[in-house]
Amino acid sequence: MTVNEKLLEGQCRLDLWLWAARFYKTRSLAALNIKKGLVSISGKTTTKPASVLNIGSHLVIDLNSVRTTLLVEKIAIKRGSYEKAKLLYKIISKESDKAEMFFKVRARYKRNKKVRRNLKAFKEKLHFLSDN
């Protein structure tokens, strides 16, 4: 079966679709994350990048500590613009509460350059005092 015949039937490789839908920058990254088990189709975790993806399939993607559930609406074999890529899927749910909380806490306690310098100088001063 050729690529065009599969496209007419509404089938596509999983790694190719994830790349075309702009979830990953390269197909290699998509394939690597599929092999790690970060992508599941209709509730089944797959480890094969060549798994067949159909229109109407539910995808769960774990990307950057955010679990996104999608419904595949269109099949694409070419990577297009961001606007075209958004038409390929519909986001059902996005679980990012823990990730947002983690990044907010992390951003709140991030030290700027001046504070880092002062802390380094203070530690050096303490180290100097402890040697005597």
Protein backbone atom coordinates (compact mmCIF):
# COMPACT_ATOMS: atom_id res chain seq x y z
CA MET A 1 0.00 0.00 0.00
CA THR A 2 1.42 3.38 -0.94
CA VAL A 3 1.45 6.48 1.20
CA ASN A 4 -1.32 8.11 -0.84
CA GLU A 5 -3.58 5.06 -0.47
CA LYS A 6 -3.07 5.08 3.30
CA LEU A 7 -3.82 8.79 3.38
CA LEU A 8 -7.11 8.20 1.55
CA GLU A 9 -8.01 5.49 4.07
CA GLY A 10 -7.21 7.82 6.95
CA GLN A 11 -4.10 6.02 8.19
CA CYS A 12 -0.63 7.30 8.95
CA ARG A 13 2.51 6.37 10.87
CA LEU A 14 2.45 7.64 14.44
CA ASP A 15 5.90 9.29 14.37
CA LEU A 16 5.12 10.98 11.06
CA TRP A 17 1.84 12.41 12.35
CA LEU A 18 3.39 13.68 15.61
CA TRP A 19 6.06 15.43 13.56
CA ALA A 20 3.51 16.89 11.11
CA ALA A 21 1.29 18.06 14.00
CA ARG A 22 4.32 19.89 15.44
CA PHE A 23 4.57 18.07 18.76
CA TYR A 24 8.20 17.21 18.02
CA LYS A 25 10.77 19.08 15.96
CA THR A 26 12.08 15.97 14.19
CA ARG A 27 10.74 12.53 13.42
CA SER A 28 13.72 11.07 15.28
CA LEU A 29 12.64 12.82 18.49
CA ALA A 30 9.09 11.61 17.96
CA ALA A 31 10.29 8.04 17.44
CA LEU A 32 12.53 8.21 20.51
CA ASN A 33 9.71 9.38 22.77
CA ILE A 34 7.38 6.73 21.36
CA LYS A 35 10.00 4.08 22.18
CA LYS A 36 10.27 5.49 25.72
CA GLY A 37 6.52 4.95 26.14
CA LEU A 38 5.54 8.61 26.41
CA VAL A 39 2.85 8.27 23.72
CA SER A 40 -0.18 5.99 23.87
CA ILE A 41 -2.89 5.34 21.28
CA SER A 42 -6.43 4.71 22.55
CA GLY A 43 -5.18 3.75 26.00
CA LYS A 44 -2.48 1.34 24.80
CA THR A 45 1.14 2.33 25.22
CA THR A 46 3.01 1.56 22.04
CA THR A 47 6.74 1.31 21.52
CA LYS A 48 6.70 1.23 17.73
CA PRO A 49 7.06 4.50 15.81
CA ALA A 50 5.50 2.81 12.77
CA SER A 51 2.22 2.14 14.59
CA VAL A 52 -0.82 2.96 12.50
CA LEU A 53 -2.75 6.03 13.50
CA ASN A 54 -6.36 6.43 12.33
CA ILE A 55 -8.77 9.35 12.28
CA GLY A 56 -10.72 9.33 15.54
CA SER A 57 -7.90 7.82 17.60
CA HIS A 58 -7.27 9.13 21.09
CA LEU A 59 -3.65 10.01 21.82
CA VAL A 60 -2.08 10.64 25.20
CA ILE A 61 1.23 12.47 24.98
CA ASP A 62 3.54 13.16 27.92
CA LEU A 63 5.60 16.16 26.86
CA ASN A 64 7.60 18.31 29.30
CA SER A 65 5.72 17.05 32.39
CA VAL A 66 2.39 17.86 30.76
CA ARG A 67 0.00 15.05 29.85
CA THR A 68 -2.18 15.98 26.89
CA THR A 69 -5.10 13.92 25.58
CA LEU A 70 -5.95 14.49 21.93
CA LEU A 71 -8.50 13.38 19.38
CA VAL A 72 -7.06 12.92 15.87
CA GLU A 73 -9.28 14.76 13.39
CA LYS A 74 -7.15 14.74 10.23
CA ILE A 75 -4.18 12.82 8.88
CA ALA A 76 -1.12 14.61 7.50
CA ILE A 77 2.10 13.33 6.00
CA LYS A 78 3.69 16.74 5.40
CA ARG A 79 4.68 19.26 8.00
CA GLY A 80 2.79 22.52 7.52
CA SER A 81 2.38 25.78 9.34
CA TYR A 82 1.29 25.99 12.95
CA GLU A 83 -2.21 27.06 11.93
CA LYS A 84 -2.60 24.00 9.68
CA ALA A 85 -1.14 21.73 12.36
CA LYS A 86 -3.73 22.88 14.92
CA LEU A 87 -6.49 21.65 12.60
CA LEU A 88 -5.14 18.08 12.74
CA TYR A 89 -6.23 17.46 16.33
CA LYS A 90 -8.57 18.55 19.09
CA ILE A 91 -7.29 18.81 22.67
CA ILE A 92 -9.57 16.92 25.02
CA SER A 93 -7.70 17.51 28.26
CA LYS A 94 -4.43 18.91 29.46
CA GLU A 95 -3.12 17.91 32.88
CA SER A 96 -0.43 20.40 33.77
CA ASP A 97 -1.28 21.39 37.33
CA LYS A 98 1.82 19.81 38.82
CA ALA A 99 4.05 21.16 36.07
CA GLU A 100 2.70 24.69 36.41
CA MET A 101 3.11 24.58 40.16
CA PHE A 102 6.68 23.27 39.83
CA PHE A 103 7.67 25.97 37.35
CA LYS A 104 6.04 28.74 39.40
CA VAL A 105 7.91 27.66 42.53
CA ARG A 106 11.11 27.33 40.57
CA ALA A 107 10.72 30.79 39.04
CA ARG A 108 9.95 32.33 42.43
CA TYR A 109 13.22 31.09 43.96
CA LYS A 110 15.47 31.74 40.99
CA ARG A 111 18.30 34.00 42.05
CA ASN A 112 19.45 36.85 39.88
CA LYS A 113 23.09 37.58 39.12
CA LYS A 114 23.62 40.06 41.95
CA VAL A 115 22.27 37.67 44.58
CA ARG A 116 24.42 34.82 43.21
CA ARG A 117 27.54 37.02 43.42
CA ASN A 118 26.76 38.08 46.98
CA LEU A 119 26.13 34.47 48.00
CA LYS A 120 29.40 33.35 46.44
CA ALA A 121 31.32 36.15 48.20
CA PHE A 122 29.64 35.28 51.49
CA LYS A 123 30.55 31.59 51.17
CA GLU A 124 34.16 32.48 50.32
CA LYS A 125 34.30 34.75 53.36
CA LEU A 126 32.97 31.97 55.61
CA HIS A 127 35.45 29.53 54.11
CA PHE A 128 38.27 32.00 54.72
CA LEU A 129 37.21 32.47 58.36
CA SER A 130 36.94 28.72 58.99
CA ASP A 131 40.56 28.10 57.91
CA ASN A 132 41.96 30.40 60.64
